[in-house]
Amino acid sequence: MNIAFATSESYLKPTAVAIYSTIKNSNSFLRIYVLADNLCNKSKSFLLGLSIKGKSEIVIIDSHEALKTAALNLNLTSLRGGYATYTRMLLSDLLVDIDEVLLIDSDTLILGDISKFTPDYSGVFNAARDFVILHKHSAHEDPDLT
């Protein structure tokens, strides 16, 4: 099963929890694509270290330039210093060789086996309301709010 997460330095910790909980609770092999908007090498190594041999593979794709170019072409501004939020719109451009992928928000805690998820591709998408975006600040994104 292919799973994608979009992240940046601001979302590194929540992304790590999302990836780890996804792998830990899965009963099948997962190939996890991390679409990284300006992650440093230390952060990339940290995320790669979350993989469990034989149970998962983590692939990091540097998406910053593609996201930035697309955002500028569409007259979109950066958010919190990056463009990771636009990954949803450009997912098929970033993962061109992948036929099916499940995009999971980077601040999601997975409590069960995600491989049991059987999507209905009839044109209906599953989604949940993002309550964090309704608030101007959240402590995990802004180091000044501790």
N, C-alpha and C. Protein backbone atom coordinates (compact mmCIF):
# COMPACT_ATOMS: atom_id res chain seq x y z
N MET A 1 0.84 -1.17 0.00
CA MET A 1 0.00 0.00 0.00
C MET A 1 0.89 1.23 0.00
N ASN A 2 0.54 2.21 -0.83
CA ASN A 2 1.27 3.47 -0.90
C ASN A 2 0.56 4.53 -0.06
N ILE A 3 1.35 5.20 0.77
CA ILE A 3 0.82 6.26 1.62
C ILE A 3 1.72 7.47 1.46
N ALA A 4 1.13 8.66 1.46
CA ALA A 4 1.90 9.89 1.33
C ALA A 4 1.61 10.82 2.50
N PHE A 5 2.65 11.52 2.91
CA PHE A 5 2.57 12.57 3.91
C PHE A 5 3.30 13.79 3.36
N ALA A 6 2.77 14.97 3.58
CA ALA A 6 3.45 16.21 3.24
C ALA A 6 3.94 16.84 4.53
N THR A 7 5.18 17.32 4.51
CA THR A 7 5.71 17.89 5.75
C THR A 7 6.76 18.95 5.48
N SER A 8 7.10 19.64 6.56
CA SER A 8 8.16 20.65 6.56
C SER A 8 8.79 20.59 7.95
N GLU A 9 9.78 21.43 8.20
CA GLU A 9 10.39 21.45 9.53
C GLU A 9 9.35 21.77 10.60
N SER A 10 8.39 22.62 10.28
CA SER A 10 7.36 22.99 11.25
C SER A 10 6.49 21.81 11.65
N TYR A 11 6.34 20.85 10.76
CA TYR A 11 5.45 19.70 11.01
C TYR A 11 6.22 18.40 11.25
N LEU A 12 7.52 18.49 11.47
CA LEU A 12 8.33 17.28 11.62
C LEU A 12 7.84 16.35 12.73
N LYS A 13 7.60 16.89 13.92
CA LYS A 13 7.18 16.05 15.05
C LYS A 13 5.82 15.40 14.81
N PRO A 14 4.81 16.15 14.40
CA PRO A 14 3.53 15.48 14.13
C PRO A 14 3.63 14.45 12.99
N THR A 15 4.45 14.76 12.00
CA THR A 15 4.62 13.82 10.88
C THR A 15 5.27 12.53 11.37
N ALA A 16 6.25 12.66 12.23
CA ALA A 16 6.92 11.47 12.77
C ALA A 16 5.93 10.59 13.53
N VAL A 17 5.07 11.20 14.32
CA VAL A 17 4.05 10.44 15.06
C VAL A 17 3.09 9.77 14.08
N ALA A 18 2.68 10.49 13.06
CA ALA A 18 1.75 9.93 12.06
C ALA A 18 2.38 8.74 11.34
N ILE A 19 3.62 8.89 10.92
CA ILE A 19 4.31 7.81 10.21
C ILE A 19 4.50 6.61 11.13
N TYR A 20 5.02 6.85 12.32
CA TYR A 20 5.28 5.74 13.25
C TYR A 20 3.99 5.01 13.60
N SER A 21 2.93 5.74 13.90
CA SER A 21 1.68 5.08 14.28
C SER A 21 1.07 4.32 13.11
N THR A 22 1.28 4.81 11.90
CA THR A 22 0.79 4.11 10.71
C THR A 22 1.52 2.78 10.53
N ILE A 23 2.83 2.82 10.62
CA ILE A 23 3.65 1.61 10.44
C ILE A 23 3.38 0.62 11.58
N LYS A 24 3.42 1.11 12.80
CA LYS A 24 3.28 0.24 13.98
C LYS A 24 1.96 -0.53 13.97
N ASN A 25 0.90 0.09 13.48
CA ASN A 25 -0.42 -0.54 13.51
C ASN A 25 -0.80 -1.27 12.23
N SER A 26 0.10 -1.31 11.27
CA SER A 26 -0.22 -1.96 10.01
C SER A 26 0.15 -3.44 10.03
N ASN A 27 -0.67 -4.24 9.37
CA ASN A 27 -0.39 -5.67 9.23
C ASN A 27 0.10 -6.01 7.82
N SER A 28 0.34 -5.01 7.00
CA SER A 28 0.85 -5.25 5.66
C SER A 28 1.99 -4.28 5.35
N PHE A 29 2.72 -4.57 4.29
CA PHE A 29 3.85 -3.73 3.90
C PHE A 29 3.36 -2.37 3.41
N LEU A 30 4.03 -1.31 3.86
CA LEU A 30 3.67 0.05 3.47
C LEU A 30 4.86 0.73 2.80
N ARG A 31 4.60 1.38 1.70
CA ARG A 31 5.60 2.26 1.08
C ARG A 31 5.12 3.68 1.36
N ILE A 32 5.91 4.40 2.14
CA ILE A 32 5.51 5.72 2.60
C ILE A 32 6.34 6.78 1.89
N TYR A 33 5.64 7.66 1.20
CA TYR A 33 6.27 8.78 0.50
C TYR A 33 6.13 10.02 1.37
N VAL A 34 7.26 10.62 1.69
CA VAL A 34 7.26 11.86 2.45
C VAL A 34 7.62 12.98 1.48
N LEU A 35 6.66 13.85 1.22
CA LEU A 35 6.86 14.98 0.33
C LEU A 35 7.36 16.14 1.18
N ALA A 36 8.66 16.38 1.09
CA ALA A 36 9.36 17.25 2.03
C ALA A 36 9.57 18.65 1.46
N ASP A 37 9.05 19.62 2.17
CA ASP A 37 9.23 21.02 1.81
C ASP A 37 10.34 21.61 2.68
N ASN A 38 11.56 21.54 2.16
CA ASN A 38 12.74 22.11 2.84
C ASN A 38 13.11 21.43 4.15
N LEU A 39 13.16 20.11 4.17
CA LEU A 39 13.64 19.40 5.36
C LEU A 39 15.16 19.34 5.33
N CYS A 40 15.78 19.56 6.47
CA CYS A 40 17.24 19.43 6.56
C CYS A 40 17.61 17.94 6.58
N ASN A 41 18.88 17.66 6.35
CA ASN A 41 19.34 16.27 6.29
C ASN A 41 19.12 15.52 7.60
N LYS A 42 19.29 16.21 8.73
CA LYS A 42 19.07 15.58 10.03
C LYS A 42 17.61 15.13 10.16
N SER A 43 16.69 15.97 9.74
CA SER A 43 15.26 15.63 9.81
C SER A 43 14.92 14.49 8.86
N LYS A 44 15.52 14.49 7.69
CA LYS A 44 15.29 13.40 6.73
C LYS A 44 15.78 12.08 7.31
N SER A 45 16.97 12.10 7.90
CA SER A 45 17.52 10.89 8.52
C SER A 45 16.62 10.39 9.65
N PHE A 46 16.11 11.31 10.44
CA PHE A 46 15.20 10.97 11.53
C PHE A 46 13.97 10.25 10.99
N LEU A 47 13.35 10.79 9.95
CA LEU A 47 12.16 10.16 9.38
C LEU A 47 12.48 8.81 8.75
N LEU A 48 13.60 8.72 8.05
CA LEU A 48 13.99 7.43 7.45
C LEU A 48 14.20 6.37 8.52
N GLY A 49 14.64 6.78 9.69
CA GLY A 49 14.87 5.86 10.80
C GLY A 49 13.59 5.28 11.39
N LEU A 50 12.44 5.82 11.01
CA LEU A 50 11.17 5.30 11.50
C LEU A 50 10.73 4.03 10.78
N SER A 51 11.35 3.74 9.65
CA SER A 51 10.98 2.56 8.87
C SER A 51 11.32 1.29 9.65
N ILE A 52 10.49 0.28 9.48
CA ILE A 52 10.73 -1.02 10.10
C ILE A 52 11.02 -2.01 8.98
N LYS A 53 12.20 -2.60 8.99
CA LYS A 53 12.62 -3.50 7.93
C LYS A 53 11.61 -4.62 7.70
N GLY A 54 11.24 -4.82 6.44
CA GLY A 54 10.29 -5.85 6.08
C GLY A 54 8.84 -5.43 6.25
N LYS A 55 8.61 -4.31 6.92
CA LYS A 55 7.25 -3.85 7.18
C LYS A 55 6.95 -2.54 6.46
N SER A 56 8.01 -1.79 6.15
CA SER A 56 7.80 -0.49 5.52
C SER A 56 9.05 -0.01 4.80
N GLU A 57 8.82 0.88 3.87
CA GLU A 57 9.90 1.59 3.19
C GLU A 57 9.48 3.06 3.17
N ILE A 58 10.40 3.92 3.54
CA ILE A 58 10.13 5.35 3.51
C ILE A 58 10.95 5.98 2.40
N VAL A 59 10.27 6.72 1.54
CA VAL A 59 10.90 7.41 0.41
C VAL A 59 10.66 8.90 0.61
N ILE A 60 11.75 9.66 0.67
CA ILE A 60 11.62 11.11 0.83
C ILE A 60 11.80 11.78 -0.52
N ILE A 61 10.85 12.62 -0.86
CA ILE A 61 10.89 13.35 -2.12
C ILE A 61 10.95 14.84 -1.79
N ASP A 62 12.01 15.49 -2.26
CA ASP A 62 12.13 16.93 -2.05
C ASP A 62 11.15 17.63 -2.97
N SER A 63 10.14 18.22 -2.39
CA SER A 63 9.06 18.81 -3.18
C SER A 63 9.08 20.33 -3.19
N HIS A 64 10.01 20.94 -2.50
CA HIS A 64 9.99 22.40 -2.33
C HIS A 64 9.95 23.17 -3.65
N GLU A 65 10.86 22.88 -4.54
CA GLU A 65 10.93 23.65 -5.78
C GLU A 65 9.68 23.48 -6.63
N ALA A 66 9.18 22.26 -6.74
CA ALA A 66 7.96 22.01 -7.53
C ALA A 66 6.77 22.73 -6.90
N LEU A 67 6.67 22.67 -5.58
CA LEU A 67 5.56 23.33 -4.88
C LEU A 67 5.67 24.85 -5.01
N LYS A 68 6.87 25.37 -4.84
CA LYS A 68 7.08 26.81 -4.93
C LYS A 68 6.75 27.32 -6.33
N THR A 69 7.24 26.63 -7.34
CA THR A 69 6.98 27.03 -8.72
C THR A 69 5.48 27.03 -9.02
N ALA A 70 4.81 25.96 -8.63
CA ALA A 70 3.37 25.87 -8.87
C ALA A 70 2.61 26.96 -8.11
N ALA A 71 3.00 27.19 -6.85
CA ALA A 71 2.33 28.21 -6.05
C ALA A 71 2.51 29.60 -6.67
N LEU A 72 3.72 29.90 -7.09
CA LEU A 72 3.96 31.21 -7.71
C LEU A 72 3.19 31.35 -9.02
N ASN A 73 3.14 30.27 -9.81
CA ASN A 73 2.38 30.31 -11.06
C ASN A 73 0.89 30.51 -10.82
N LEU A 74 0.40 30.03 -9.70
CA LEU A 74 -1.02 30.17 -9.36
C LEU A 74 -1.29 31.38 -8.47
N ASN A 75 -0.23 32.18 -8.22
CA ASN A 75 -0.34 33.37 -7.39
C ASN A 75 -0.76 33.04 -5.95
N LEU A 76 -0.20 31.95 -5.42
CA LEU A 76 -0.46 31.53 -4.05
C LEU A 76 0.73 31.91 -3.18
N THR A 77 0.48 32.31 -1.96
CA THR A 77 1.56 32.72 -1.06
C THR A 77 2.07 31.54 -0.25
N SER A 78 3.25 31.69 0.31
CA SER A 78 3.76 30.66 1.21
C SER A 78 2.99 30.77 2.53
N LEU A 79 2.86 29.64 3.19
CA LEU A 79 2.19 29.59 4.49
C LEU A 79 3.17 29.04 5.51
N ARG A 80 3.35 29.79 6.57
CA ARG A 80 4.31 29.41 7.62
C ARG A 80 5.70 29.15 7.04
N GLY A 81 6.06 29.93 6.03
CA GLY A 81 7.40 29.85 5.45
C GLY A 81 7.60 28.77 4.42
N GLY A 82 6.55 28.07 4.01
CA GLY A 82 6.72 27.00 3.04
C GLY A 82 5.48 26.81 2.17
N TYR A 83 5.53 25.75 1.40
CA TYR A 83 4.47 25.47 0.43
C TYR A 83 3.85 24.09 0.60
N ALA A 84 4.17 23.40 1.69
CA ALA A 84 3.71 22.02 1.89
C ALA A 84 2.19 21.89 1.84
N THR A 85 1.49 22.92 2.23
CA THR A 85 0.03 22.84 2.25
C THR A 85 -0.58 22.63 0.86
N TYR A 86 0.18 22.97 -0.17
CA TYR A 86 -0.32 22.83 -1.55
C TYR A 86 -0.07 21.44 -2.13
N THR A 87 0.52 20.57 -1.36
CA THR A 87 0.83 19.22 -1.83
C THR A 87 -0.42 18.50 -2.31
N ARG A 88 -1.53 18.69 -1.63
CA ARG A 88 -2.77 18.01 -2.02
C ARG A 88 -3.14 18.31 -3.46
N MET A 89 -2.96 19.57 -3.87
CA MET A 89 -3.32 19.98 -5.22
C MET A 89 -2.37 19.40 -6.27
N LEU A 90 -1.14 19.13 -5.88
CA LEU A 90 -0.11 18.73 -6.83
C LEU A 90 0.35 17.29 -6.66
N LEU A 91 -0.39 16.52 -5.89
CA LEU A 91 0.04 15.16 -5.57
C LEU A 91 0.31 14.32 -6.82
N SER A 92 -0.56 14.40 -7.80
CA SER A 92 -0.36 13.58 -9.01
C SER A 92 0.86 14.05 -9.81
N ASP A 93 1.25 15.32 -9.68
CA ASP A 93 2.45 15.81 -10.35
C ASP A 93 3.72 15.40 -9.61
N LEU A 94 3.62 15.23 -8.31
CA LEU A 94 4.78 14.86 -7.50
C LEU A 94 5.02 13.36 -7.47
N LEU A 95 3.96 12.58 -7.62
CA LEU A 95 4.07 11.11 -7.59
C LEU A 95 3.57 10.55 -8.93
N VAL A 96 4.26 10.90 -9.99
CA VAL A 96 3.77 10.58 -11.35
C VAL A 96 3.74 9.08 -11.65
N ASP A 97 4.57 8.30 -11.03
CA ASP A 97 4.64 6.86 -11.32
C ASP A 97 3.78 6.02 -10.39
N ILE A 98 3.00 6.65 -9.54
CA ILE A 98 2.18 5.94 -8.56
C ILE A 98 0.73 5.97 -9.01
N ASP A 99 0.11 4.79 -9.13
CA ASP A 99 -1.30 4.73 -9.55
C ASP A 99 -2.27 5.01 -8.41
N GLU A 100 -1.96 4.50 -7.23
CA GLU A 100 -2.83 4.69 -6.07
C GLU A 100 -2.01 5.08 -4.86
N VAL A 101 -2.49 6.07 -4.15
CA VAL A 101 -1.81 6.51 -2.93
C VAL A 101 -2.86 7.10 -1.99
N LEU A 102 -2.67 6.86 -0.72
CA LEU A 102 -3.52 7.43 0.30
C LEU A 102 -2.75 8.57 0.95
N LEU A 103 -3.26 9.78 0.83
CA LEU A 103 -2.63 10.94 1.46
C LEU A 103 -3.24 11.12 2.85
N ILE A 104 -2.37 11.10 3.84
CA ILE A 104 -2.81 11.26 5.23
C ILE A 104 -2.22 12.56 5.76
N ASP A 105 -3.04 13.37 6.41
CA ASP A 105 -2.53 14.60 7.02
C ASP A 105 -1.42 14.27 8.00
N SER A 106 -0.45 15.12 8.05
CA SER A 106 0.74 14.88 8.87
C SER A 106 0.50 15.03 10.36
N ASP A 107 -0.67 15.44 10.74
CA ASP A 107 -0.97 15.55 12.17
C ASP A 107 -2.05 14.54 12.58
N THR A 108 -1.99 13.37 11.96
CA THR A 108 -2.97 12.32 12.21
C THR A 108 -2.35 11.19 13.03
N LEU A 109 -3.05 10.74 14.03
CA LEU A 109 -2.62 9.59 14.81
C LEU A 109 -3.41 8.39 14.32
N ILE A 110 -2.73 7.37 13.85
CA ILE A 110 -3.37 6.17 13.32
C ILE A 110 -3.43 5.13 14.44
N LEU A 111 -4.65 4.69 14.76
CA LEU A 111 -4.85 3.78 15.89
C LEU A 111 -5.15 2.35 15.47
N GLY A 112 -5.28 2.11 14.16
CA GLY A 112 -5.58 0.77 13.70
C GLY A 112 -4.85 0.47 12.40
N ASP A 113 -5.16 -0.68 11.84
CA ASP A 113 -4.51 -1.14 10.61
C ASP A 113 -5.05 -0.37 9.41
N ILE A 114 -4.23 0.51 8.86
CA ILE A 114 -4.65 1.35 7.74
C ILE A 114 -4.86 0.52 6.47
N SER A 115 -4.25 -0.65 6.40
CA SER A 115 -4.42 -1.48 5.20
C SER A 115 -5.84 -2.01 5.07
N LYS A 116 -6.63 -1.92 6.13
CA LYS A 116 -8.03 -2.32 6.06
C LYS A 116 -8.88 -1.27 5.36
N PHE A 117 -8.30 -0.08 5.17
CA PHE A 117 -9.01 0.99 4.49
C PHE A 117 -9.22 0.60 3.02
N THR A 118 -10.44 0.54 2.62
CA THR A 118 -10.75 0.21 1.23
C THR A 118 -11.50 1.38 0.62
N PRO A 119 -10.77 2.22 -0.10
CA PRO A 119 -11.40 3.42 -0.65
C PRO A 119 -12.42 3.11 -1.73
N ASP A 120 -13.39 3.96 -1.82
CA ASP A 120 -14.40 3.89 -2.86
C ASP A 120 -14.03 4.94 -3.90
N TYR A 121 -13.58 4.50 -5.05
CA TYR A 121 -13.12 5.42 -6.09
C TYR A 121 -14.25 5.87 -7.02
N SER A 122 -15.44 6.00 -6.49
CA SER A 122 -16.58 6.42 -7.30
C SER A 122 -16.67 7.94 -7.41
N GLY A 123 -15.62 8.63 -7.03
CA GLY A 123 -15.63 10.08 -7.11
C GLY A 123 -15.90 10.75 -5.78
N VAL A 124 -16.11 9.96 -4.74
CA VAL A 124 -16.36 10.51 -3.41
C VAL A 124 -15.07 10.38 -2.60
N PHE A 125 -14.69 11.44 -1.94
CA PHE A 125 -13.49 11.42 -1.14
C PHE A 125 -13.85 11.54 0.33
N ASN A 126 -13.11 10.87 1.17
CA ASN A 126 -13.31 10.96 2.61
C ASN A 126 -12.47 12.12 3.14
N ALA A 127 -13.03 12.88 4.05
CA ALA A 127 -12.30 14.00 4.62
C ALA A 127 -12.84 14.30 6.01
N ALA A 128 -12.04 15.01 6.77
CA ALA A 128 -12.46 15.47 8.10
C ALA A 128 -12.14 16.95 8.19
N ARG A 129 -12.94 17.66 8.93
CA ARG A 129 -12.73 19.09 9.10
C ARG A 129 -11.44 19.34 9.88
N ASP A 130 -10.67 20.31 9.45
CA ASP A 130 -9.42 20.68 10.10
C ASP A 130 -9.70 21.79 11.11
N PHE A 131 -9.72 21.45 12.38
CA PHE A 131 -10.03 22.43 13.41
C PHE A 131 -8.84 23.32 13.75
N VAL A 132 -7.61 22.84 13.53
CA VAL A 132 -6.43 23.64 13.87
C VAL A 132 -6.35 24.87 12.98
N ILE A 133 -6.69 24.73 11.71
CA ILE A 133 -6.58 25.85 10.78
C ILE A 133 -7.49 27.01 11.17
N LEU A 134 -8.51 26.75 11.97
CA LEU A 134 -9.41 27.80 12.41
C LEU A 134 -8.76 28.74 13.42
N HIS A 135 -7.65 28.32 14.00
CA HIS A 135 -6.97 29.10 15.02
C HIS A 135 -5.70 29.71 14.44
N LYS A 136 -5.42 30.92 14.82
CA LYS A 136 -4.28 31.64 14.26
C LYS A 136 -2.96 30.97 14.62
N HIS A 137 -2.87 30.45 15.81
CA HIS A 137 -1.61 29.86 16.28
C HIS A 137 -1.84 28.46 16.84
N SER A 138 -0.82 27.65 16.70
CA SER A 138 -0.81 26.37 17.40
C SER A 138 0.63 26.14 17.86
N ALA A 139 0.80 25.60 19.04
CA ALA A 139 2.12 25.52 19.67
C ALA A 139 3.11 24.69 18.88
N HIS A 140 2.68 23.65 18.18
CA HIS A 140 3.66 22.82 17.47
C HIS A 140 4.21 23.51 16.23
N GLU A 141 3.57 24.56 15.75
CA GLU A 141 4.04 25.26 14.57
C GLU A 141 4.82 26.52 14.91
N ASP A 142 4.56 27.11 16.03
CA ASP A 142 5.17 28.38 16.39
C ASP A 142 5.98 28.21 17.67
N PRO A 143 7.30 28.18 17.55
CA PRO A 143 8.15 27.95 18.72
C PRO A 143 8.03 29.03 19.79
N ASP A 144 7.49 30.21 19.43
CA ASP A 144 7.32 31.27 20.43
C ASP A 144 6.12 31.03 21.32
N LEU A 145 5.25 30.08 20.95
CA LEU A 145 4.07 29.77 21.75
C LEU A 145 4.34 28.49 22.53
N THR A 146 4.94 28.62 23.70
CA THR A 146 5.23 27.44 24.50
C THR A 146 4.53 27.48 25.83
